[in-house]
Protein backbone atom coordinates (compact mmCIF):
# COMPACT_ATOMS: atom_id res chain seq x y z
CA UNK A 1 99.76 113.56 144.31
CA UNK A 2 97.48 112.89 141.18
CA UNK A 3 94.05 112.29 141.94
CA UNK A 4 92.08 112.05 138.71
CA UNK A 5 92.87 111.83 134.82
CA UNK A 6 90.14 113.33 132.57
CA UNK A 7 90.02 113.45 128.95
CA UNK A 8 87.75 112.54 125.85
CA UNK A 9 87.75 109.80 123.24
CA UNK A 10 86.90 111.04 119.76
CA UNK A 11 87.19 109.57 116.33
CA UNK A 12 89.37 110.90 113.56
CA UNK A 13 86.33 111.29 110.93
CA UNK A 14 83.90 113.08 113.68
CA UNK A 15 81.51 110.09 113.80
CA UNK A 16 80.04 108.96 116.66
CA UNK A 17 81.56 106.26 118.99
CA UNK A 18 80.26 102.71 119.48
CA UNK A 19 78.52 102.08 122.84
CA UNK A 20 81.26 100.17 124.47
CA UNK A 21 84.57 102.39 124.64
CA UNK A 22 87.30 101.61 127.40
CA UNK A 23 90.01 103.66 128.44
CA UNK A 24 93.00 101.84 129.86
CA UNK A 25 95.77 103.01 131.81
CA UNK A 26 99.02 100.54 131.07
CA UNK A 27 102.16 100.76 133.09
CA UNK A 28 104.88 98.56 132.33
CA UNK A 29 102.94 96.82 129.44
CA UNK A 30 100.50 95.63 131.77
CA UNK A 31 96.85 96.89 132.24
CA UNK A 32 96.35 98.79 135.72
CA UNK A 33 93.08 100.33 135.28
CA UNK A 34 89.98 100.60 133.04
CA UNK A 35 87.08 103.10 133.13
CA UNK A 36 84.36 103.28 130.71
CA UNK A 37 83.92 106.55 128.64
CA UNK A 38 80.61 108.26 128.33
CA UNK A 39 78.75 108.22 125.05
CA UNK A 40 80.16 111.57 124.09
CA UNK A 41 83.58 110.06 124.82
CA UNK A 42 84.27 112.00 128.06
CA UNK A 43 85.88 109.74 130.61
CA UNK A 44 87.44 110.48 134.27
CA UNK A 45 89.70 107.82 136.02
CA UNK A 46 90.15 108.10 139.78
CA UNK A 47 93.52 107.07 140.71
CA UNK A 48 94.57 105.28 143.98
CA UNK A 49 91.10 104.21 145.08
CA UNK A 50 89.20 101.10 144.97
CA UNK A 51 88.48 101.82 141.34
CA UNK A 52 92.21 101.49 140.60
CA UNK A 53 91.87 97.55 140.61
CA UNK A 54 91.68 96.42 137.27
CA UNK A 55 93.58 93.28 136.04
CA UNK A 56 97.29 92.54 136.62
CA UNK A 57 96.91 88.80 136.74
CA UNK A 58 100.63 88.28 135.47
CA UNK A 59 101.80 86.14 138.35
CA UNK A 60 104.19 88.80 139.76
CA UNK A 61 103.20 90.66 142.86
CA UNK A 62 100.41 89.72 145.28
CA UNK A 63 97.40 91.82 143.98
CA UNK A 64 96.00 92.93 140.79
CA UNK A 65 96.78 96.40 141.61
CA UNK A 66 100.35 97.23 142.61
CA UNK A 67 98.97 100.15 144.25
CA UNK A 68 96.55 98.65 146.41
CA UNK A 69 98.36 99.27 149.61
CA UNK A 70 97.93 102.68 149.38
CA UNK A 71 95.67 105.13 150.89
CA UNK A 72 92.45 104.99 148.94
CA UNK A 73 92.21 108.79 149.22
CA UNK A 74 95.62 109.83 148.46
CA UNK A 75 96.07 109.40 144.78
CA UNK A 76 99.25 108.37 142.93
CA UNK A 77 102.76 110.24 143.01
CA UNK A 78 103.41 111.73 139.63
CA UNK A 79 106.61 109.68 139.48
CA UNK A 80 104.71 106.24 139.41
CA UNK A 81 102.90 107.47 136.40
CA UNK A 82 106.26 108.01 134.47
CA UNK A 83 105.92 104.47 132.92
CA UNK A 84 102.27 104.49 132.10
CA UNK A 85 100.12 105.77 129.26
CA UNK A 86 96.38 105.91 128.26
CA UNK A 87 94.74 104.27 125.40
CA UNK A 88 91.19 103.65 124.38
CA UNK A 89 89.88 100.21 123.56
CA UNK A 90 86.86 99.74 121.41
CA UNK A 91 86.20 96.90 118.93
CA UNK A 92 86.97 98.00 115.11
CA UNK A 93 89.00 100.90 116.02
CA UNK A 94 92.85 101.29 116.70
CA UNK A 95 93.78 104.01 119.46
CA UNK A 96 96.42 106.72 119.95
CA UNK A 97 98.57 106.45 123.13
CA UNK A 98 99.06 109.46 125.65
CA UNK A 99 102.06 109.09 127.63
CA UNK A 100 101.52 110.29 131.32
CA UNK A 101 105.33 111.30 132.04
CA UNK A 102 105.11 114.88 130.72
CA UNK A 103 101.69 116.05 131.58
CA UNK A 104 101.27 119.38 133.36
CA UNK A 105 98.70 119.65 136.10
CA UNK A 106 98.31 119.17 139.82
CA UNK A 107 95.82 116.83 141.69
CA UNK A 108 93.54 116.59 138.29
CA UNK A 109 95.26 116.53 135.02
CA UNK A 110 93.58 116.62 131.71
CA UNK A 111 95.07 114.63 129.15
CA UNK A 112 93.27 115.83 126.27
CA UNK A 113 92.03 113.74 123.56
CA UNK A 114 92.31 109.99 122.93
CA UNK A 115 91.91 109.71 119.26
CA UNK A 116 90.51 106.36 117.75
CA UNK A 117 90.61 105.43 114.02
CA UNK A 118 88.30 102.92 112.33
CA UNK A 119 90.44 100.18 110.81
CA UNK A 120 89.96 99.85 107.08
CA UNK A 121 87.67 96.78 106.70
CA UNK A 122 89.18 94.27 104.45
CA UNK A 123 87.01 92.58 101.94
CA UNK A 124 84.90 89.95 103.18
CA UNK A 125 84.71 91.29 106.74
CA UNK A 126 81.15 90.28 107.32
CA UNK A 127 80.50 87.91 104.19
CA UNK A 128 82.91 85.09 103.00
CA UNK A 129 84.51 85.78 99.50
CA UNK A 130 82.34 83.06 98.14
CA UNK A 131 79.27 85.12 98.44
CA UNK A 132 80.40 87.55 96.08
CA UNK A 133 80.19 84.62 93.57
CA UNK A 134 76.88 83.25 94.31
CA UNK A 135 74.48 83.34 91.63
CA UNK A 136 71.38 85.83 91.98
CA UNK A 137 68.74 83.34 92.65
CA UNK A 138 71.16 81.75 95.69
CA UNK A 139 71.35 85.11 96.70
CA UNK A 140 67.68 85.89 96.98
CA UNK A 141 66.98 82.52 98.64
CA UNK A 142 69.63 83.47 101.15
CA UNK A 143 68.15 86.87 101.86
CA UNK A 144 64.87 85.17 102.37
CA UNK A 145 66.30 82.80 104.92
CA UNK A 146 67.68 85.96 106.61
CA UNK A 147 64.14 87.63 106.73
CA UNK A 148 62.63 84.58 108.03
CA UNK A 149 65.34 83.88 110.60
CA UNK A 150 64.69 87.61 111.81
CA UNK A 151 61.00 86.68 112.34
CA UNK A 152 62.05 83.11 114.24
CA UNK A 153 60.16 81.12 111.33
CA UNK A 154 62.88 78.48 111.81
CA UNK A 155 61.27 76.10 109.24
CA UNK A 156 60.99 78.72 106.68
CA UNK A 157 64.62 79.97 107.23
CA UNK A 158 65.61 76.43 106.91
CA UNK A 159 64.12 75.97 103.65
CA UNK A 160 65.66 78.99 101.98
CA UNK A 161 69.29 78.53 103.40
CA UNK A 162 68.90 74.73 102.16
CA UNK A 163 67.97 76.11 98.62
CA UNK A 164 70.79 78.31 98.62
CA UNK A 165 73.38 75.93 99.38
CA UNK A 166 71.29 73.50 97.00
CA UNK A 167 71.91 76.14 94.11
CA UNK A 168 75.42 77.30 94.93
CA UNK A 169 77.28 74.53 97.38
CA UNK A 170 80.12 76.65 98.03
CA UNK A 171 77.66 79.50 99.70
CA UNK A 172 79.74 79.63 102.82
CA UNK A 173 77.35 82.34 104.57
CA UNK A 174 74.62 80.26 103.60
CA UNK A 175 75.88 77.13 105.32
CA UNK A 176 76.70 79.05 108.32
CA UNK A 177 73.40 80.47 108.88
CA UNK A 178 71.56 77.02 108.18
CA UNK A 179 73.91 75.84 110.84
CA UNK A 180 72.56 78.34 113.16
CA UNK A 181 68.85 77.75 112.27
CA UNK A 182 69.37 73.99 112.88
CA UNK A 183 71.17 74.51 116.09
CA UNK A 184 68.27 76.79 117.45
CA UNK A 185 65.95 73.89 116.26
CA UNK A 186 67.98 71.44 118.50
CA UNK A 187 68.93 69.42 115.24
CA UNK A 188 72.58 69.21 116.47
CA UNK A 189 74.01 66.77 114.31
CA UNK A 190 72.86 68.29 111.17
CA UNK A 191 73.69 71.84 112.47
CA UNK A 192 77.37 70.36 113.18
CA UNK A 193 77.25 68.99 109.56
CA UNK A 194 76.48 72.51 107.98
CA UNK A 195 78.99 74.40 110.23
CA UNK A 196 81.64 71.83 109.04
CA UNK A 197 80.83 72.35 105.68
CA UNK A 198 81.27 76.15 105.84
CA UNK A 199 84.61 75.65 107.13
CA UNK A 200 85.34 73.37 104.24
CA UNK A 201 84.37 75.87 101.65
CA UNK A 202 86.22 78.91 103.37
CA UNK A 203 88.45 78.07 106.04
CA UNK A 204 89.33 81.84 106.17
CA UNK A 205 85.74 82.50 107.61
CA UNK A 206 85.99 82.25 111.17
CA UNK A 207 82.37 82.17 112.80
CA UNK A 208 81.51 78.59 112.12
CA UNK A 209 84.66 77.45 113.81
CA UNK A 210 83.63 79.31 116.95
CA UNK A 211 80.15 77.67 116.66
CA UNK A 212 81.79 74.02 116.16
CA UNK A 213 84.05 75.01 119.18
CA UNK A 214 80.85 75.36 121.36
CA UNK A 215 79.23 72.40 120.09
CA UNK A 216 82.51 70.47 121.10
CA UNK A 217 82.50 72.30 124.67
CA UNK A 218 78.89 71.07 125.12
CA UNK A 219 80.07 67.45 124.51
CA UNK A 220 83.28 67.70 126.46
CA UNK A 221 85.28 67.11 123.49
CA UNK A 222 88.24 69.01 124.77
CA UNK A 223 90.68 68.37 121.69
CA UNK A 224 88.27 69.56 119.13
CA UNK A 225 87.34 72.54 121.39
CA UNK A 226 91.22 73.35 121.57
CA UNK A 227 91.60 72.62 117.72
CA UNK A 228 88.71 75.04 116.66
CA UNK A 229 89.46 77.74 118.95
CA UNK A 230 93.18 77.63 117.96
CA UNK A 231 92.17 78.15 114.41
CA UNK A 232 90.48 81.66 115.52
CA UNK A 233 93.21 82.44 117.73
CA UNK A 234 95.84 82.18 115.26
CA UNK A 235 94.89 85.59 114.44
CA UNK A 236 95.98 88.51 116.49
CA UNK A 237 92.33 90.17 117.38
CA UNK A 238 93.77 93.41 117.43
CA UNK A 239 95.40 93.29 114.12
CA UNK A 240 94.24 92.28 110.66
CA UNK A 241 96.01 89.45 109.38
CA UNK A 242 96.12 89.47 105.30
CA UNK A 243 94.12 86.60 103.93
CA UNK A 244 91.70 86.15 106.78
CA UNK A 245 88.02 86.97 106.95
CA UNK A 246 88.01 88.85 110.47
CA UNK A 247 84.12 88.86 111.47
CA UNK A 248 84.40 88.45 115.12
CA UNK A 249 84.28 91.37 117.49
CA UNK A 250 86.07 91.47 120.82
CA UNK A 251 83.47 89.51 122.89
CA UNK A 252 83.80 86.68 120.17
CA UNK A 253 87.64 86.55 120.84
CA UNK A 254 86.97 86.58 124.51
CA UNK A 255 84.81 83.64 124.11
CA UNK A 256 87.14 81.88 121.81
CA UNK A 257 90.18 82.51 124.36
CA UNK A 258 87.80 81.26 127.08
CA UNK A 259 87.04 78.01 125.52
CA UNK A 260 90.56 77.76 124.61
CA UNK A 261 91.71 78.22 128.04
CA UNK A 262 89.02 75.79 129.39
CA UNK A 263 90.16 72.93 127.13
CA UNK A 264 93.94 73.48 127.74
CA UNK A 265 93.13 73.05 131.44
CA UNK A 266 90.82 69.88 130.82
CA UNK A 267 93.89 68.53 128.66
CA UNK A 268 96.54 69.47 131.36
CA UNK A 269 97.99 72.12 129.27
CA UNK A 270 98.12 74.62 132.15
CA UNK A 271 100.48 77.35 130.61
CA UNK A 272 98.58 77.37 127.41
CA UNK A 273 95.17 77.60 129.61
CA UNK A 274 96.95 80.55 131.89
CA UNK A 275 97.72 82.48 128.65
CA UNK A 276 94.58 82.10 127.09
CA UNK A 277 92.70 82.93 130.15
CA UNK A 278 94.41 85.88 131.01
CA UNK A 279 93.49 87.00 127.22
CA UNK A 280 89.88 86.57 127.88
CA UNK A 281 89.99 88.44 130.95
CA UNK A 282 91.38 91.48 129.27
CA UNK A 283 89.07 91.15 125.92
CA UNK A 284 85.79 90.57 128.05
CA UNK A 285 85.03 94.28 128.54
CA UNK A 286 81.44 93.59 129.33
CA UNK A 287 82.07 90.39 131.40
CA UNK A 288 80.05 87.86 129.09
CA UNK A 289 82.37 85.21 130.54
CA UNK A 290 82.55 85.78 134.45
CA UNK A 291 83.38 82.36 134.98
CA UNK A 292 86.56 82.57 133.37
CA UNK A 293 87.68 84.02 136.85
CA UNK A 294 87.01 80.83 138.54
CA UNK A 295 88.96 79.10 136.01
CA UNK A 296 91.92 81.41 136.55
CA UNK A 297 91.62 80.86 140.17
CA UNK A 298 92.39 77.19 139.68
CA UNK A 299 95.05 77.81 137.45
CA UNK A 300 96.78 80.05 140.00
CA UNK A 301 95.93 77.54 142.81
CA UNK A 302 97.89 74.94 140.96
CA UNK A 303 100.97 77.47 140.76
CA UNK A 304 100.44 78.05 144.51
CA UNK A 305 99.61 81.63 143.64
CA UNK A 306 96.97 81.43 146.21
CA UNK A 307 96.82 85.28 146.42
CA UNK A 308 96.07 85.73 142.95
CA UNK A 309 93.50 82.67 143.10
CA UNK A 310 91.75 84.70 145.93
CA UNK A 311 91.57 87.83 143.80
CA UNK A 312 89.95 85.82 140.84
CA UNK A 313 87.34 84.18 143.02
CA UNK A 314 86.46 87.61 144.64
CA UNK A 315 86.20 89.12 140.99
CA UNK A 316 83.64 86.59 140.05
CA UNK A 317 81.30 87.16 143.15
CA UNK A 318 81.65 90.91 142.66
CA UNK A 319 80.31 90.17 139.06
CA UNK A 320 77.76 87.75 139.67
CA UNK A 321 76.91 87.43 143.39
CA UNK A 322 73.63 85.59 142.85
CA UNK A 323 74.91 83.15 140.53
CA UNK A 324 73.79 79.62 140.85
CA UNK A 325 77.22 78.32 142.07
CA UNK A 326 77.81 81.43 144.30
CA UNK A 327 77.79 79.51 147.35
CA UNK A 328 80.16 76.95 146.00
CA UNK A 329 82.41 79.88 145.02
CA UNK A 330 82.42 81.33 148.63
CA UNK A 331 83.24 78.15 150.01
CA UNK A 332 86.23 77.83 147.58
CA UNK A 333 87.14 81.26 148.38
CA UNK A 334 87.21 80.58 152.10
CA UNK A 335 89.69 77.48 151.22
CA UNK A 336 92.00 79.61 149.24
CA UNK A 337 92.21 82.53 151.89
CA UNK A 338 93.32 79.69 154.20
CA UNK A 339 95.97 78.52 151.93
CA UNK A 340 96.96 82.00 151.24
CA UNK A 341 97.09 82.82 154.89
CA UNK A 342 99.17 79.78 155.42
CA UNK A 343 101.75 80.75 152.89
CA UNK A 344 101.92 84.29 154.24
CA UNK A 345 102.89 82.94 157.63
CA UNK A 346 105.24 80.65 156.61
CA UNK A 347 103.40 77.37 156.98
CA UNK A 348 103.21 74.78 154.40
CA UNK A 349 100.09 75.05 152.58
CA UNK A 350 97.88 71.91 151.74
CA UNK A 351 95.07 71.90 149.35
CA UNK A 352 92.14 69.97 150.50
């Protein structure tokens, strides 16, 4: 029985790792387990335990972890790792993969080093390409706006960003920053106009689309939420697509997938909602959006997959046990457990 997998994550160029590095055990193309690496890159993954319980919300099987019925102290038989591999997940890097089938060792196996390589930045990664064409006085105003924004001087920042777009109307980044300031100052209509102008001047620059999606969410305009997030999610977040400005990290994509899932759910496009919800869960490594688990619970409940719905609500309560809606979530969990029990006993489950 294999109890532990240990190893280290390292960069190809020897530079320091980002703070959020996750090591994943993937079996049959499904993520079975995730653990955080230390600041030095070291990791230890305990198998066959309560820690071996990460997402497998594909709709097949009765639990997230296909090994959850095993004794929590027994580890995993080596043969069950034959279809598994280890990889690292970290924003801005691609990872090597370690196949677990041929590893030597007994109860504890050191898999060696997982190497991550910094993805080559494409031009415009943090700036719209229009920024390189801006005249010097527009750039100067833009930089003064950034400085004022850092000091939370909203009126001053608004003045400088406004001056930048007046000098150079195609200054996409300045329109976007102006929108952020206006939004922060509760000038929602003006902020929406600025974000929209940013998308008009450069449709490849993605951050304003996400901002517009959030504003549409607040207005419960689900069609706009879906359309704005679809524009972002036409890109694969794990690969660069030529011609686009990828100025979003994994948490931004998790946000986009979450809003896309919610919009599709509200628009009764449940299959699309499920796909986006699962991707949001996978990308949301630091649980920015625990509410996605409640959404997934409702999606699974509609499919009568009450076992999966129960797991989702339990996960939500584990992540945020003191949330304002925790009591409602516990009540919903009790109803789902009752429905799941009815299905398990062969009775007809009826949702209340």
